[in-house]
N, C-alpha and C. Protein backbone atom coordinates (compact mmCIF):
# COMPACT_ATOMS: atom_id res chain seq x y z
N MET A 1 -1.75 -9.96 -21.01
CA MET A 1 -3.40 -10.08 -20.07
C MET A 1 -3.52 -9.10 -18.46
N ASP A 2 -2.49 -9.46 -17.43
CA ASP A 2 -2.22 -8.97 -16.27
C ASP A 2 -1.96 -7.17 -16.35
N GLN A 3 -1.60 -7.28 -16.85
CA GLN A 3 -0.95 -5.78 -17.75
C GLN A 3 -2.66 -4.20 -17.92
N ASP A 4 -3.51 -5.57 -18.65
CA ASP A 4 -4.81 -4.97 -18.76
C ASP A 4 -5.47 -5.17 -17.63
N LYS A 5 -5.63 -6.07 -17.13
CA LYS A 5 -5.96 -6.07 -16.26
C LYS A 5 -5.39 -4.15 -15.18
N ASN A 6 -4.77 -4.50 -14.68
CA ASN A 6 -3.76 -3.50 -14.04
C ASN A 6 -5.11 -2.17 -14.63
N GLU A 7 -4.81 -1.54 -15.95
CA GLU A 7 -5.52 -0.79 -16.82
C GLU A 7 -6.83 -0.05 -16.33
N ASN A 8 -7.42 -1.51 -15.87
CA ASN A 8 -8.79 -0.54 -16.00
C ASN A 8 -9.13 -0.52 -14.54
N GLU A 9 -7.98 -1.01 -13.75
CA GLU A 9 -8.53 -1.20 -12.23
C GLU A 9 -8.12 0.38 -12.01
N PRO A 10 -9.10 0.56 -11.10
CA PRO A 10 -9.90 2.36 -10.80
C PRO A 10 -8.37 2.92 -10.20
N LYS A 11 -7.74 4.04 -10.00
CA LYS A 11 -6.39 3.96 -9.67
C LYS A 11 -6.41 5.29 -8.12
N VAL A 12 -5.83 4.64 -7.93
CA VAL A 12 -6.43 5.58 -6.12
C VAL A 12 -5.66 5.97 -5.95
N THR A 13 -7.07 6.88 -5.22
CA THR A 13 -6.19 9.80 -5.13
C THR A 13 -4.89 9.04 -3.69
N ASN A 14 -4.78 10.13 -3.71
CA ASN A 14 -4.01 10.24 -1.60
C ASN A 14 -5.03 10.57 -1.36
N GLU A 15 -5.73 10.59 -1.27
CA GLU A 15 -7.04 10.79 -0.38
C GLU A 15 -7.78 9.82 0.93
N VAL A 16 -8.08 10.28 1.87
CA VAL A 16 -9.22 9.06 2.10
C VAL A 16 -9.74 9.90 3.06
N SER A 17 -11.26 9.20 1.97
CA SER A 17 -12.28 9.44 1.79
C SER A 17 -13.20 8.86 3.39
N ASP A 18 -14.24 9.67 3.47
CA ASP A 18 -14.78 9.28 5.15
C ASP A 18 -15.54 7.61 4.79
N GLU A 19 -16.22 7.69 3.87
CA GLU A 19 -16.67 6.60 3.20
C GLU A 19 -15.63 5.45 3.25
N THR A 20 -14.60 5.23 3.42
CA THR A 20 -13.76 3.94 3.25
C THR A 20 -12.99 3.79 4.97
N GLY A 21 -12.63 4.34 5.09
CA GLY A 21 -12.58 4.59 6.19
C GLY A 21 -10.93 3.44 6.29
N GLN A 22 -11.59 3.03 7.40
CA GLN A 22 -10.70 2.21 7.35
C GLN A 22 -9.96 0.72 6.23
N TYR A 23 -10.75 0.94 4.55
CA TYR A 23 -10.83 -0.14 3.90
C TYR A 23 -10.03 0.31 3.22
N ASP A 24 -10.00 1.39 3.03
CA ASP A 24 -9.60 2.75 2.22
C ASP A 24 -7.90 1.43 1.87
N MET A 25 -7.56 1.89 0.71
CA MET A 25 -6.59 0.66 -0.34
C MET A 25 -4.93 1.30 0.17
N ARG A 26 -4.82 1.67 1.11
CA ARG A 26 -3.49 2.47 1.81
C ARG A 26 -3.42 1.67 2.96
N PHE A 27 -4.15 1.74 3.55
CA PHE A 27 -3.95 0.94 4.85
C PHE A 27 -4.67 -0.37 4.84
N LEU A 28 -4.21 -0.91 3.77
CA LEU A 28 -5.07 -2.19 3.60
C LEU A 28 -4.35 -2.61 3.36
N LEU A 29 -3.65 -2.19 2.58
CA LEU A 29 -1.46 -2.40 1.82
C LEU A 29 -0.94 -2.12 3.44
N TRP A 30 -1.61 -1.14 3.91
CA TRP A 30 0.52 -1.57 4.64
C TRP A 30 -0.17 -2.46 6.01
N ARG A 31 -1.34 -2.65 6.39
CA ARG A 31 -1.88 -4.26 7.04
C ARG A 31 -0.94 -5.01 5.99
N LYS A 32 -1.08 -5.60 5.22
CA LYS A 32 -0.40 -6.67 4.30
C LYS A 32 0.98 -6.76 5.30
N PHE A 33 1.09 -5.45 4.62
CA PHE A 33 2.99 -5.16 4.05
C PHE A 33 3.33 -5.46 5.54
N CYS A 34 3.00 -4.68 6.92
CA CYS A 34 3.25 -5.02 7.87
C CYS A 34 2.98 -6.60 8.72
N ALA A 35 1.85 -7.63 8.06
CA ALA A 35 1.56 -8.87 8.57
C ALA A 35 2.81 -9.56 7.33
N ASP A 36 2.98 -9.83 5.92
CA ASP A 36 4.56 -10.14 5.22
C ASP A 36 5.77 -10.40 6.16
N PHE A 37 5.64 -8.42 6.78
CA PHE A 37 7.80 -8.55 6.93
C PHE A 37 7.56 -8.37 8.05
N ASN A 38 6.59 -8.81 9.34
CA ASN A 38 6.70 -8.92 10.17
C ASN A 38 6.63 -8.04 11.36
N VAL A 39 5.83 -6.18 10.80
CA VAL A 39 6.29 -5.19 11.30
C VAL A 39 4.31 -4.72 11.93
N PRO A 40 5.72 -4.57 12.95
CA PRO A 40 4.10 -3.76 14.06
C PRO A 40 3.48 -2.28 13.33
N VAL A 41 2.08 -2.69 13.47
CA VAL A 41 1.27 -1.59 12.37
C VAL A 41 1.45 -0.41 12.58
N GLU A 42 2.10 -0.69 14.51
CA GLU A 42 1.76 1.02 14.42
C GLU A 42 2.55 1.42 14.11
N THR A 43 4.16 1.18 13.36
CA THR A 43 4.93 1.48 12.92
C THR A 43 4.84 2.66 11.98
N LEU A 44 6.71 3.23 12.31
CA LEU A 44 5.86 4.70 11.04
C LEU A 44 6.79 4.52 9.74
N PRO A 45 6.40 4.90 8.65
CA PRO A 45 6.86 4.42 7.32
C PRO A 45 8.71 4.37 7.70
N SER A 46 9.24 6.19 8.69
CA SER A 46 10.41 6.66 8.89
C SER A 46 11.04 6.28 9.35
N GLN A 47 10.72 4.37 9.71
CA GLN A 47 10.89 3.45 10.80
C GLN A 47 11.63 2.35 10.30
N LEU A 48 10.92 2.16 9.37
CA LEU A 48 11.72 0.13 8.11
C LEU A 48 12.85 0.29 8.44
N THR A 49 13.59 -0.69 8.19
CA THR A 49 14.65 -0.76 7.64
C THR A 49 15.06 -0.23 6.53
N THR A 50 16.09 -0.09 6.11
CA THR A 50 16.67 -0.02 4.55
C THR A 50 15.87 -0.75 3.55
N GLU A 51 16.51 -2.10 4.07
CA GLU A 51 15.80 -3.50 2.83
C GLU A 51 13.46 -3.51 2.92
N GLN A 52 13.15 -2.82 4.07
CA GLN A 52 11.66 -2.53 3.97
C GLN A 52 11.33 -1.93 3.38
N ARG A 53 12.31 -0.29 3.16
CA ARG A 53 11.22 0.48 3.09
C ARG A 53 11.82 -0.22 1.96
N GLU A 54 12.42 -0.37 0.88
CA GLU A 54 12.21 0.22 -0.26
C GLU A 54 11.35 -1.60 -0.36
N ALA A 55 10.78 -2.44 0.12
CA ALA A 55 9.45 -3.33 -0.83
C ALA A 55 8.14 -2.84 -0.32
N TRP A 56 7.69 -1.95 0.51
CA TRP A 56 7.52 -1.19 1.04
C TRP A 56 7.18 0.17 -0.04
N ASP A 57 8.15 0.73 -1.04
CA ASP A 57 7.79 1.61 -1.48
C ASP A 57 7.39 0.43 -3.64
N LYS A 58 8.21 -0.48 -2.84
CA LYS A 58 7.82 -1.48 -4.27
C LYS A 58 6.47 -1.97 -4.01
N ALA A 59 5.56 -1.96 -3.21
CA ALA A 59 4.86 -2.31 -3.17
C ALA A 59 3.88 -1.40 -3.23
N LYS A 60 3.78 -0.47 -2.76
CA LYS A 60 2.83 1.04 -3.26
C LYS A 60 2.96 1.55 -4.50
N GLN A 61 4.15 1.45 -4.83
CA GLN A 61 4.52 1.92 -6.53
C GLN A 61 3.57 0.96 -7.52
N HIS A 62 3.95 -0.56 -7.19
CA HIS A 62 3.18 -2.02 -7.89
C HIS A 62 1.27 -1.95 -7.79
N ASN A 63 0.77 -0.90 -6.69
CA ASN A 63 -0.53 -1.72 -6.17
C ASN A 63 -1.27 0.64 -5.38
N LEU A 64 -1.05 1.07 -5.79
CA LEU A 64 -1.72 2.03 -5.56
C LEU A 64 -1.29 3.13 -6.67
N LYS A 65 -1.28 3.26 -8.17
CA LYS A 65 -0.94 4.07 -9.10
C LYS A 65 -1.33 5.00 -9.00
N GLN A 66 -0.66 6.13 -9.12
CA GLN A 66 -1.28 7.31 -9.59
C GLN A 66 -1.80 7.49 -11.02
């Protein structure tokens, strides 16, 4: 059932629209990830530890369907 729900959700493109700005799905996902892993929001993905980077990649893959 969860799979059907994911298939019906709109896919997130790799574009930042003027309408969404700070509420863009990628920005919200990054803020949630930072809160969950106690990472400062200003951190760049390239500055993450290996474990954090793997978790970030997994979160992107799961939440930002292409």
